[in-house]
Protein backbone atom coordinates (compact mmCIF):
# COMPACT_ATOMS: atom_id res chain seq x y z
CA MET A 1 0.05 0.20 0.18
CA ARG A 2 2.57 2.34 0.83
CA PHE A 3 4.35 2.00 -2.64
CA LEU A 4 1.10 2.29 -4.35
CA PHE A 5 0.35 5.78 -2.27
CA ILE A 6 3.97 6.83 -3.44
CA PHE A 7 3.26 5.73 -6.88
CA ILE A 8 -0.04 7.91 -6.76
CA LEU A 9 1.67 10.95 -5.47
CA LEU A 10 4.22 10.76 -8.24
CA ILE A 11 1.58 10.72 -11.33
CA LEU A 12 -0.61 13.43 -9.71
CA PRO A 13 -0.43 16.34 -11.91
CA VAL A 14 1.51 19.24 -10.40
CA PRO A 15 0.72 22.98 -11.24
CA VAL A 16 3.71 24.54 -12.95
CA ILE A 17 4.91 27.28 -10.61
CA SER A 18 6.93 30.15 -12.08
CA GLU A 19 10.82 29.37 -10.92
CA GLY A 20 9.79 26.84 -8.01
CA ILE A 21 8.19 29.89 -5.92
CA PRO A 22 5.98 28.61 -2.83
CA PHE A 23 2.53 29.20 -3.14
CA TYR A 24 2.23 31.63 -0.37
CA LEU A 25 4.65 33.84 -2.31
CA GLU A 26 2.72 33.31 -5.27
CA LEU A 27 -0.34 34.99 -3.69
CA LEU A 28 1.89 37.99 -3.11
CA SER A 29 2.84 38.47 -6.87
CA ASP A 30 1.68 41.12 -8.93
CA LYS A 31 0.44 38.74 -11.43
CA THR A 32 -2.10 37.43 -8.53
CA LYS A 33 -3.17 40.68 -7.43
CA ASN A 34 -3.71 41.51 -11.12
CA CYS A 35 -5.78 38.56 -11.63
CA PHE A 36 -7.79 39.28 -8.67
CA LEU A 37 -8.68 42.89 -9.78
CA ARG A 38 -9.79 41.49 -13.13
CA PHE A 39 -11.69 38.82 -11.64
CA PHE A 40 -13.54 41.06 -8.99
CA GLU A 41 -14.18 43.74 -12.10
CA THR A 42 -16.01 40.75 -13.83
CA ALA A 43 -18.02 40.17 -10.56
CA VAL A 44 -18.76 43.53 -10.37
CA SER A 45 -20.12 44.04 -13.68
CA ASN A 46 -21.54 40.53 -13.99
CA ASP A 47 -19.70 39.94 -17.28
CA PHE A 48 -20.01 36.26 -16.99
CA SER A 49 -23.67 34.92 -16.24
CA CYS A 50 -22.08 32.46 -13.75
CA SER A 51 -21.00 35.09 -11.55
CA ARG A 52 -24.44 36.39 -10.81
CA LYS A 53 -25.26 33.16 -9.12
CA PHE A 54 -22.63 33.48 -6.24
CA ASN A 55 -21.78 36.71 -4.12
CA PHE A 56 -18.16 36.89 -4.71
CA LEU A 57 -18.41 40.51 -3.26
CA GLU A 58 -19.28 39.26 -0.11
CA LYS A 59 -17.76 41.01 2.90
CA ASP A 60 -18.68 38.62 5.73
CA ASN A 61 -16.09 35.82 5.38
CA VAL A 62 -18.43 33.01 6.39
CA LYS A 63 -20.82 33.93 3.53
CA LYS A 64 -17.75 34.87 1.36
CA ARG A 65 -16.29 31.57 1.65
CA ALA A 66 -19.52 29.75 1.00
CA SER A 67 -19.61 31.78 -2.32
CA PHE A 68 -16.05 31.04 -3.06
CA THR A 69 -16.55 27.33 -2.57
CA ALA A 70 -19.73 26.79 -4.23
CA GLY A 71 -18.55 29.07 -7.19
CA LYS A 72 -15.35 27.36 -7.71
CA ASP A 73 -15.68 26.51 -11.28
CA CYS A 74 -17.25 30.01 -12.03
CA PHE A 75 -14.00 31.52 -10.12
CA LEU A 76 -11.77 29.37 -12.63
CA ARG A 77 -13.52 30.15 -15.55
CA ILE A 78 -13.37 33.88 -15.10
CA VAL A 79 -9.56 33.42 -13.83
CA GLN A 80 -8.80 31.24 -17.17
CA GLU A 81 -10.39 33.90 -19.33
CA LYS A 82 -9.17 37.06 -17.72
CA CYS A 83 -5.60 36.35 -16.24
CA ASP A 84 -2.04 34.88 -17.13
CA PRO A 85 -2.44 31.23 -17.83
CA ASP A 86 -0.43 29.90 -15.12
CA ARG A 87 -2.90 31.57 -12.81
CA TYR A 88 -5.55 28.99 -13.64
CA ASP A 89 -3.29 25.83 -12.54
CA VAL A 90 -1.94 27.73 -9.43
CA PHE A 91 -5.42 28.21 -8.38
CA ASN A 92 -7.24 25.16 -9.34
CA TYR A 93 -4.35 23.22 -7.68
CA TYR A 94 -4.40 25.15 -4.13
CA TYR A 95 -7.99 26.09 -4.37
CA GLU A 96 -8.78 25.55 -0.62
CA GLU A 97 -5.63 27.49 0.74
CA LEU A 98 -6.85 30.31 -1.68
CA VAL A 99 -10.16 30.19 -0.24
CA ASP A 100 -8.78 30.33 3.25
CA THR A 101 -6.64 32.94 2.34
CA LEU A 102 -9.37 35.31 1.34
CA THR A 103 -11.66 34.13 4.36
CA PHE A 104 -9.40 33.91 7.25
CA ILE A 105 -8.30 37.33 8.81
CA PRO A 106 -4.74 36.89 9.84
CA ALA A 107 -3.49 37.00 13.36
CA HIS A 108 -0.94 39.51 12.70
CA SER A 109 -2.96 42.73 11.39
CA GLY A 110 -0.10 43.92 8.98
CA CYS A 111 -1.54 45.60 5.94
CA SER A 112 1.08 43.40 3.76
CA GLU A 113 -0.76 40.41 4.66
CA THR A 114 -2.26 38.49 1.55
CA TYR A 115 -5.83 38.62 3.02
CA TYR A 116 -5.85 42.53 2.94
CA ARG A 117 -4.18 42.67 -0.55
CA LEU A 118 -6.40 40.23 -2.39
CA ASN A 119 -9.63 41.47 -0.66
CA ALA A 120 -8.65 45.49 -1.45
CA GLN A 121 -8.85 44.43 -5.00
CA ARG A 122 -12.79 44.16 -4.59
CA CYS A 123 -12.85 47.71 -3.75
CA TYR A 124 -10.53 48.91 -6.58
CA ALA A 125 -12.66 47.05 -8.87
CA GLN A 126 -15.82 48.77 -7.72
CA LYS A 127 -13.73 52.24 -7.74
CA LYS A 128 -13.16 51.69 -11.47
CA LEU A 129 -17.26 50.91 -12.03
CA MET A 130 -17.58 54.22 -10.50
CA GLU A 131 -15.29 55.78 -12.64
CA ILE A 132 -16.87 54.38 -15.71
CA GLU A 133 -20.37 55.36 -14.33
CA ILE A 134 -19.15 59.14 -13.81
CA GLU A 135 -18.17 59.32 -17.81
CA ARG A 136 -21.39 57.55 -18.56
CA GLN A 137 -23.30 60.36 -16.66
CA LEU A 138 -21.33 63.01 -18.11
CA GLU A 139 -22.37 61.73 -21.85
CA ARG A 140 -26.00 62.38 -20.64
CA HIS A 141 -28.06 65.55 -21.47
CA PRO A 142 -27.73 67.70 -18.32
CA GLY A 143 -31.14 67.23 -17.44
CA LEU A 144 -30.92 63.52 -17.35
CA LYS A 145 -27.81 63.24 -15.28
CA ASN A 146 -28.44 61.42 -12.12
CA SER A 147 -25.63 61.59 -9.56
CA THR A 148 -27.46 59.25 -7.33
CA GLU A 149 -26.24 56.10 -9.20
CA VAL A 150 -22.79 57.60 -8.84
CA MET A 151 -23.30 58.21 -5.04
CA VAL A 152 -24.62 54.60 -4.26
CA LEU A 153 -21.26 53.12 -5.94
CA CYS A 154 -19.24 55.57 -3.76
CA LYS A 155 -20.88 54.70 -0.65
CA ASN A 156 -20.22 50.92 -1.80
CA ILE A 157 -16.53 51.53 -2.04
CA GLN A 158 -16.51 53.19 1.17
CA ASP A 159 -18.28 50.31 2.84
CA CYS A 160 -15.99 47.74 1.19
CA MET A 161 -12.85 49.60 2.44
CA GLU A 162 -14.11 49.20 5.97
CA GLY A 163 -12.17 46.34 7.74
CA LEU A 164 -9.48 46.63 5.17
CA CYS A 165 -5.83 48.26 4.98
CA PHE A 166 -6.06 51.52 2.82
CA THR A 167 -3.82 54.42 2.78
CA GLU A 168 -5.32 57.74 4.55
CA ASP A 169 -5.22 59.22 0.78
CA GLU A 170 -7.24 56.69 -0.39
CA GLN A 171 -9.88 56.94 2.37
CA SER A 172 -10.00 60.55 2.02
CA GLU A 173 -10.52 60.66 -1.78
CA ILE A 174 -13.76 58.46 -1.13
CA GLU A 175 -14.77 60.24 1.76
CA PHE A 176 -14.55 63.50 -0.21
CA SER A 177 -16.14 62.26 -3.05
CA LEU A 178 -19.52 61.46 -0.98
CA VAL A 179 -19.66 65.11 0.19
CA VAL A 180 -20.82 67.24 -3.12
CA PRO A 181 -22.45 64.83 -5.59
CA GLU A 182 -22.31 67.66 -8.47
CA LEU A 183 -18.33 67.97 -7.96
CA THR A 184 -18.04 63.99 -7.82
CA VAL A 185 -20.16 63.86 -11.40
CA SER A 186 -18.03 66.45 -13.46
CA HIS A 187 -15.58 66.77 -15.78
CA PHE A 188 -13.09 68.13 -13.17
CA THR A 189 -13.23 64.75 -11.27
CA VAL A 190 -12.68 62.81 -14.32
CA CYS A 191 -9.57 65.22 -15.04
CA ILE A 192 -8.21 64.76 -11.71
CA LEU A 193 -8.47 60.83 -12.03
CA THR A 194 -6.65 61.18 -15.47
CA ILE A 195 -3.79 62.90 -13.84
CA ASP A 196 -3.74 60.45 -11.05
CA LYS A 197 -3.38 57.64 -13.46
CA GLU A 198 -0.93 59.22 -15.68
CA LEU A 199 1.24 60.60 -12.85
CA PRO A 200 2.97 63.40 -14.89
CA ASP A 201 5.86 65.13 -13.70
CA LEU A 202 4.47 68.38 -12.22
CA SER A 203 7.90 69.92 -11.25
CA LYS A 204 7.27 72.82 -13.28
CA TYR A 205 4.46 74.23 -11.49
CA LYS A 206 5.97 76.81 -8.88
CA CYS A 207 2.40 77.31 -7.69
CA LEU A 208 2.52 74.04 -6.12
CA GLU A 209 5.02 75.27 -3.70
CA ASN A 210 6.89 71.61 -3.79
CA GLN A 211 3.85 69.82 -2.65
CA SER A 212 2.64 66.87 -4.36
CA PHE A 213 -0.34 67.09 -6.39
CA TYR A 214 -1.21 63.23 -5.74
CA VAL A 215 -1.39 63.21 -1.94
CA LYS A 216 -5.28 62.92 -1.16
CA THR A 217 -5.19 63.69 2.88
CA PRO A 218 -7.59 66.31 4.07
CA GLU A 219 -4.98 68.84 4.59
CA PHE A 220 -3.66 68.70 1.01
CA LEU A 221 -7.16 68.37 -0.55
CA CYS A 222 -8.26 71.49 1.53
CA GLU A 223 -5.44 73.73 0.55
CA ARG A 224 -5.43 72.60 -3.10
CA TYR A 225 -9.06 73.43 -3.51
CA ARG A 226 -9.19 76.87 -1.48
CA LYS A 227 -9.99 80.04 -3.32
CA SER A 228 -6.22 81.28 -3.00
CA LYS A 229 -5.12 78.19 -4.78
CA ARG A 230 -7.91 77.94 -7.68
CA GLU A 231 -5.48 79.25 -10.48
CA CYS A 232 -2.78 76.77 -9.72
CA LEU A 233 -5.43 74.20 -9.95
CA ARG A 234 -6.96 75.62 -13.20
CA ALA A 235 -3.34 75.52 -14.71
CA VAL A 236 -2.67 71.86 -14.03
CA THR A 237 -5.82 70.68 -14.98
CA GLN A 238 -5.82 72.83 -18.02
CA ASP A 239 -2.63 71.60 -19.35
CA TYR A 240 -3.47 67.97 -19.09
CA CYS A 241 -7.04 68.00 -19.92
CA GLY A 242 -7.34 70.63 -22.47
CA ARG A 243 -9.93 72.96 -21.00
CA ASP A 244 -11.06 74.62 -17.78
CA VAL A 245 -12.66 72.34 -15.84
CA VAL A 246 -12.40 74.00 -12.60
CA LYS A 247 -14.83 77.05 -13.77
CA PRO A 248 -17.75 74.81 -13.87
CA VAL A 249 -17.42 73.74 -10.40
CA GLU A 250 -16.09 76.67 -8.79
CA GLY A 251 -19.32 76.86 -6.58
CA PHE A 252 -19.29 73.11 -5.82
CA LEU A 253 -15.44 73.47 -4.81
CA ASP A 254 -16.53 76.20 -2.19
CA ASP A 255 -19.25 73.89 -1.00
CA LEU A 256 -16.75 71.14 -0.38
CA ILE A 257 -14.25 73.78 1.43
CA ASP A 258 -17.45 74.89 3.55
CA LEU A 259 -18.57 71.34 4.35
CA LYS A 260 -15.01 69.54 4.99
CA CYS A 261 -12.36 72.06 5.63
CA LYS A 262 -13.37 74.21 8.38
CA ASN A 263 -11.22 72.58 10.84
CA VAL A 264 -8.34 72.42 8.73
CA LEU A 265 -8.15 75.71 6.86
CA PHE A 266 -7.41 79.07 8.60
CA GLY A 267 -8.46 81.98 6.56
CA ASN A 268 -8.92 82.30 2.77
């Protein structure tokens, strides 16, 4: 029996893991992180009919575990379609360990833990959906725009982020997005998102006074949007987005300052 068992082990198919990397390190790879982002984007948008049968976006870990266990075939179908080819083999072979990683909060609460890294991709997928919805709303006639839909998506992102690890910048960006819907659903916001993604070198703008344009903490956002800094904001956004996106939202920026920055700013 012992020799039979060894023989069976030898003939079992073993997934090809690049360069012999252990599974727990595979989970930390960019390929895995990007795969989960694509998977959750698919789940959010319901691009695969099978994903509608399982709540892969569930926050409760017990329910999430049930969804991923029952939805294994669906999960792997999406991975096979959307991710690097080797992810399918690795995830299929180590599926139970993968589900454990997604659903058991680690004893050590460091944000570098795989649990936080992979589950965070769910929130990033929802953020991408919100950005698409903002652009969709802006294509509508002004009288038909519905900022409520965007606000619901924004609130979903905020709920998703709760209990996970995100930087203060990321948390503040979503929190500020919920304050003035008209500002969020605007070409100004689309322009800011574009600059954030492309990360151009803004060192030529002396008016930024050596402050990073990409920091999103309340202090930096309030300082950047205050009246005395608007011309600087206008110069940066107009150069990179081809038009004045600040002027149409001046009043909404004032509202944001009034609602969120009273305890941050001093004077005008």
